Protein backbone atom coordinates (compact mmCIF):
# COMPACT_ATOMS: atom_id res chain seq x y z
CA TYR A 1 83.27 127.26 -59.72
CA ILE A 2 81.73 130.78 -59.66
CA LEU A 3 83.49 133.89 -61.39
CA THR A 4 82.99 137.25 -59.79
CA ASN A 5 84.82 140.38 -59.19
CA ASN A 6 87.84 140.55 -57.21
CA HIS A 7 86.30 143.75 -55.21
CA VAL A 8 83.28 141.72 -54.24
CA VAL A 9 85.12 139.16 -52.32
CA GLU A 10 88.13 141.15 -51.12
CA GLY A 11 88.71 140.91 -47.51
CA VAL A 12 85.75 138.68 -46.75
CA THR A 13 86.28 135.60 -44.42
CA GLU A 14 83.02 133.77 -45.04
CA ILE A 15 81.28 133.36 -48.27
CA THR A 16 77.33 132.04 -48.65
CA VAL A 17 76.14 131.27 -52.23
CA VAL A 18 72.55 131.59 -52.68
CA LEU A 19 71.02 129.78 -55.58
CA VAL A 20 67.76 130.77 -57.59
CA ASP A 21 66.01 127.85 -55.91
CA GLY A 22 66.72 128.84 -52.46
CA ARG A 23 69.50 126.60 -51.56
CA GLN A 24 72.55 128.18 -49.50
CA LEU A 25 75.97 126.72 -50.17
CA SER A 26 79.23 127.75 -48.38
CA GLY A 27 81.98 128.98 -50.78
CA GLY A 28 85.52 129.29 -50.63
CA ILE A 29 87.96 131.64 -52.59
CA VAL A 30 90.29 129.66 -55.07
CA GLY A 31 92.12 132.61 -56.00
CA ILE A 32 91.88 136.33 -56.91
CA ASP A 33 93.49 138.65 -59.68
CA PRO A 34 93.38 142.40 -58.60
CA TYR A 35 94.81 143.48 -62.04
CA THR A 36 91.63 142.24 -64.02
CA ASP A 37 89.39 142.64 -60.78
CA LEU A 38 88.30 138.81 -61.12
CA ALA A 39 87.98 136.12 -58.43
CA VAL A 40 87.01 132.45 -58.43
CA VAL A 41 84.84 130.97 -55.94
CA LYS A 42 84.31 127.18 -55.24
CA VAL A 43 81.30 125.65 -53.94
CA GLU A 44 80.23 121.98 -53.50
CA GLY A 45 76.84 120.63 -54.32
CA THR A 46 74.85 118.67 -56.85
CA ASN A 47 72.48 119.63 -59.70
CA LEU A 48 74.14 123.07 -59.77
CA PRO A 49 73.12 125.20 -62.74
CA VAL A 50 75.91 126.03 -65.33
CA ALA A 51 75.81 129.22 -67.53
CA GLU A 52 76.56 128.88 -71.17
CA LEU A 53 79.44 130.95 -72.15
CA GLY A 54 79.30 133.13 -75.36
CA ASP A 55 82.14 134.50 -77.50
CA SER A 56 82.86 138.23 -76.62
CA ASP A 57 85.26 138.58 -79.63
CA LYS A 58 81.93 138.37 -81.89
CA LEU A 59 80.15 141.22 -80.22
CA VAL A 60 78.30 143.73 -82.46
CA ILE A 61 77.72 147.25 -81.53
CA GLY A 62 73.94 147.84 -80.95
CA GLU A 63 73.00 144.09 -80.33
CA PRO A 64 70.98 143.47 -77.34
CA ALA A 65 72.58 143.10 -73.72
CA ILE A 66 71.13 142.00 -70.58
CA ALA A 67 72.65 142.73 -67.08
CA ILE A 68 71.89 140.47 -64.02
CA GLY A 69 72.66 141.30 -60.37
CA ASN A 70 71.39 142.52 -56.97
CA PRO A 71 71.57 146.30 -57.20
CA TYR A 72 70.89 147.93 -53.84
CA GLY A 73 69.83 144.47 -52.41
CA PHE A 74 67.07 143.76 -55.02
CA ASP A 75 68.15 140.22 -55.76
CA HIS A 76 67.69 138.51 -59.48
CA THR A 77 67.20 141.94 -61.06
CA VAL A 78 67.39 141.91 -64.77
CA THR A 79 68.02 144.99 -66.74
CA ALA A 80 68.20 145.47 -70.54
CA GLY A 81 70.34 147.59 -73.10
CA VAL A 82 72.62 147.20 -75.80
CA ILE A 83 76.24 146.82 -76.62
CA SER A 84 77.36 150.67 -76.77
CA ALA A 85 81.12 149.83 -77.37
CA VAL A 86 84.01 147.49 -77.00
CA ASN A 87 87.69 147.93 -75.88
CA ARG A 88 86.87 150.51 -73.35
CA SER A 89 89.46 151.22 -70.58
CA VAL A 90 88.74 152.55 -67.19
CA GLU A 91 91.58 154.02 -64.88
CA ILE A 92 91.61 152.41 -61.23
CA ASP A 93 94.73 153.86 -59.70
CA ARG A 94 96.81 156.15 -61.79
CA ALA A 95 99.61 156.24 -59.63
CA ALA A 96 99.98 152.45 -59.62
CA GLY A 97 99.20 152.24 -63.37
CA GLN A 98 96.27 150.15 -62.56
CA ALA A 99 93.43 150.23 -65.30
CA LEU A 100 90.90 147.83 -66.68
CA GLU A 101 91.44 147.26 -70.19
CA GLY A 102 89.29 146.02 -73.18
CA LEU A 103 85.82 146.43 -71.44
CA ILE A 104 82.54 146.11 -72.98
CA GLN A 105 80.41 149.12 -72.58
CA THR A 106 76.72 148.83 -72.31
CA ASP A 107 73.66 151.00 -71.58
CA ALA A 108 71.94 148.22 -69.69
CA PRO A 109 71.38 149.84 -66.25
CA ILE A 110 74.31 148.69 -63.93
CA ASN A 111 74.22 149.99 -60.27
CA PRO A 112 76.09 149.05 -57.04
CA GLY A 113 75.26 145.30 -56.51
CA ASN A 114 75.59 144.43 -60.18
CA SER A 115 79.17 143.66 -59.68
CA GLY A 116 80.22 140.07 -60.43
CA GLY A 117 76.87 139.61 -62.23
CA ALA A 118 76.58 138.29 -65.91
CA LEU A 119 76.15 140.37 -68.97
CA VAL A 120 74.36 138.10 -71.21
CA THR A 121 73.07 138.02 -74.70
CA ALA A 122 69.35 137.69 -75.68
CA ALA A 123 70.04 134.00 -76.01
CA GLY A 124 71.11 134.06 -72.51
CA LYS A 125 75.02 133.39 -73.26
CA VAL A 126 77.41 135.04 -70.91
CA ILE A 127 79.37 137.59 -72.80
CA GLY A 128 80.82 139.42 -69.74
CA ILE A 129 81.35 140.06 -65.85
CA ASN A 130 79.84 143.42 -64.74
CA THR A 131 82.39 145.32 -63.13
CA ALA A 132 81.95 149.08 -62.97
CA ILE A 133 79.68 151.92 -63.59
CA VAL A 134 81.07 155.51 -64.62
CA SER A 135 79.72 157.52 -61.62
CA GLN A 136 79.81 160.86 -63.36
CA ALA A 137 77.60 159.74 -66.17
CA GLN A 138 74.17 157.90 -66.77
CA GLY A 139 73.82 154.98 -69.04
CA ILE A 140 77.47 153.80 -69.00
CA GLY A 141 78.28 150.40 -67.60
CA LEU A 142 81.29 148.48 -68.07
CA ALA A 143 81.81 144.75 -68.11
CA ILE A 144 84.96 142.41 -68.50
CA PRO A 145 84.68 140.33 -71.86
CA ILE A 146 83.89 136.78 -70.93
CA ASN A 147 86.78 135.49 -73.34
CA SER A 148 89.30 137.53 -71.16
CA ALA A 149 87.75 136.42 -67.83
CA ARG A 150 87.78 132.88 -68.85
CA ASN A 151 91.46 132.72 -69.50
CA VAL A 152 91.95 134.23 -66.04
CA ALA A 153 89.47 131.82 -64.41
CA ASN A 154 91.52 128.80 -65.99
CA GLU A 155 94.83 130.11 -64.74
CA ILE A 156 93.39 130.76 -61.21
CA ILE A 157 91.80 127.27 -61.11
CA GLN A 158 94.91 125.52 -62.31
CA TYR A 159 97.54 127.70 -60.23
CA GLY A 160 95.63 129.33 -57.81
CA GLU A 161 96.61 132.62 -59.18
CA VAL A 162 97.25 134.47 -62.64
CA ARG A 163 100.97 133.97 -63.66
CA ARG A 164 102.22 137.13 -65.39
CA PRO A 165 105.61 138.05 -67.13
CA TYR A 166 108.06 139.79 -64.74
CA VAL A 167 110.55 142.56 -65.82
CA GLY A 168 111.92 143.51 -62.48
CA ILE A 169 111.32 147.18 -62.54
CA SER A 170 110.53 148.47 -59.07
CA ARG A 171 110.00 152.23 -59.06
CA VAL A 172 108.89 154.40 -62.02
CA THR A 173 107.48 158.01 -62.65
CA GLU A 174 105.52 159.10 -65.55
CA ILE A 175 106.91 161.98 -67.44
CA ASP A 176 105.03 164.83 -68.67
CA ARG A 177 106.36 167.95 -70.32
CA TYR A 178 106.31 169.81 -67.16
CA LEU A 179 108.35 167.39 -65.24
CA ALA A 180 110.50 167.08 -68.26
CA ALA A 181 111.22 170.91 -68.27
CA ARG A 182 111.63 170.97 -64.37
CA ASN A 183 114.38 168.29 -64.53
CA ARG A 184 115.93 168.97 -67.80
CA LEU A 185 114.99 165.70 -69.22
CA PRO A 186 115.92 164.73 -72.86
CA VAL A 187 112.29 163.63 -73.70
CA ASN A 188 108.80 165.06 -72.89
CA GLU A 189 107.08 161.79 -72.56
CA GLY A 190 107.92 158.11 -71.11
CA ILE A 191 108.38 156.28 -67.95
CA TYR A 192 111.42 157.30 -65.72
CA VAL A 193 113.06 154.24 -64.24
CA SER A 194 113.90 155.18 -60.46
CA SER A 195 114.95 151.56 -59.62
CA VAL A 196 115.03 148.20 -60.74
CA VAL A 197 115.39 144.82 -58.94
CA ARG A 198 118.98 143.54 -58.42
CA GLY A 199 119.51 140.37 -60.34
CA GLY A 200 116.03 140.71 -61.97
CA PRO A 201 115.40 140.65 -65.91
CA ALA A 202 115.66 144.31 -66.15
CA ALA A 203 118.81 144.81 -64.45
CA SER A 204 120.26 141.66 -66.02
CA ALA A 205 119.60 143.18 -69.57
CA GLY A 206 121.32 146.51 -68.85
CA LEU A 207 118.16 148.61 -68.03
CA GLY A 208 118.75 150.68 -64.96
CA SER A 209 118.01 153.69 -62.72
CA GLY A 210 117.79 156.88 -64.69
CA ASP A 211 116.72 155.22 -67.97
CA ILE A 212 113.60 156.63 -69.48
CA ILE A 213 111.31 154.02 -71.29
CA ILE A 214 109.85 155.54 -74.49
CA ALA A 215 108.62 152.24 -76.32
CA VAL A 216 108.17 148.66 -75.82
CA GLY A 217 108.10 146.35 -78.65
CA GLY A 218 107.82 149.39 -81.09
CA GLN A 219 104.75 150.72 -79.27
CA SER A 220 105.07 154.07 -77.61
CA ILE A 221 104.81 154.07 -73.87
CA VAL A 222 103.38 157.17 -72.08
CA THR A 223 101.76 155.90 -69.05
CA VAL A 224 102.50 153.31 -66.34
CA ALA A 225 99.33 151.55 -67.64
CA ASP A 226 100.86 151.43 -71.18
CA LEU A 227 103.92 149.95 -69.79
CA LYS A 228 102.11 147.18 -67.83
CA LYS A 229 99.76 146.50 -70.86
CA ALA A 230 102.81 145.85 -73.13
CA ILE A 231 104.30 143.52 -70.60
CA TYR A 232 101.19 141.54 -69.61
CA LYS A 233 100.32 140.83 -73.29
CA SER A 234 103.45 139.01 -73.57
CA ASP A 235 104.36 135.50 -72.35
CA ILE A 236 106.90 134.25 -69.65
CA GLY A 237 109.96 133.41 -71.72
CA ASP A 238 109.53 135.98 -74.35
CA THR A 239 112.14 138.63 -75.09
CA LEU A 240 110.71 142.16 -75.17
CA GLU A 241 112.48 145.10 -76.63
CA PHE A 242 112.57 148.34 -74.59
CA THR A 243 113.64 151.54 -76.36
CA VAL A 244 115.01 153.68 -73.55
CA VAL A 245 117.06 156.95 -73.33
CA GLY A 246 119.85 156.91 -70.72
CA SER A 247 121.26 159.51 -68.60
CA ASN A 248 123.61 160.11 -71.46
CA ARG A 249 120.62 161.42 -73.59
CA ARG A 250 121.32 158.72 -76.20
CA GLU A 251 118.59 156.15 -77.36
CA ARG A 252 119.24 152.49 -77.25
CA THR A 253 117.30 149.08 -77.37
CA VAL A 254 117.52 146.87 -74.25
CA LYS A 255 116.28 143.26 -74.76
CA VAL A 256 114.61 141.77 -71.58
CA VAL A 257 113.71 138.12 -71.09
CA LEU A 258 110.58 137.96 -69.24
CA THR A 259 110.50 135.60 -66.31
CA ASP A 260 107.69 134.22 -63.97
CA ALA A 261 107.12 136.74 -61.18
CA PRO A 262 108.72 135.61 -57.76
CA ALA A 263 106.46 134.96 -54.91
CA GLY A 264 105.22 138.18 -53.47
CA ARG A 265 105.53 140.44 -56.46
């Protein structure tokens, strides 16, 4: 199995994997996870090299980091730097609340073509999957921690997809003070629920259109990304407490039992 970025293989119909010894193998996509920008590709062959995985939870700021990839078509390129920070976030689609969370930041040069490549320690252990560079700045590359990537890969290999908890909220809007003032809302921050899925977990628990989510599990919710993060760090079957303000301007707690997402959601 080969772990790479979703955006690297998205939309492709044919995959050829070229090994360092020159062998070319046909690959097939096992599954993708757009939420974490990860994908798993499978190849058949013998004597295939296997990378040793490190522990991204034990990274130390300032320790050496090496990025491997094919920037601008220059294959087998190795660049070096250090671990600059951990637990970084980068917003991909604000409207959809899509953001990559918990990323490793490095100053090892990462350019277009590095995506899907390995970020390794000085000992050659994989600690991350290179995924993004902050375009408006120099020396800021980002990688998905290997511990998180490994969990996603295991789910994809076992199920063909990543199973995540499902709440059944279909349309939401982020509230800011301007929107709150214009619509005379009772709070200046939170997530306005426009609609919920009939018969879904949220609707069954009593959360509905017109409610404003201000906290989940005791954590304040300001953005759609906050809401998704609170849900996705929970497990299927968990009961999650939503603190909401209703159209009557009263605050209440709604306990939602998370289910497996139905097909297509």
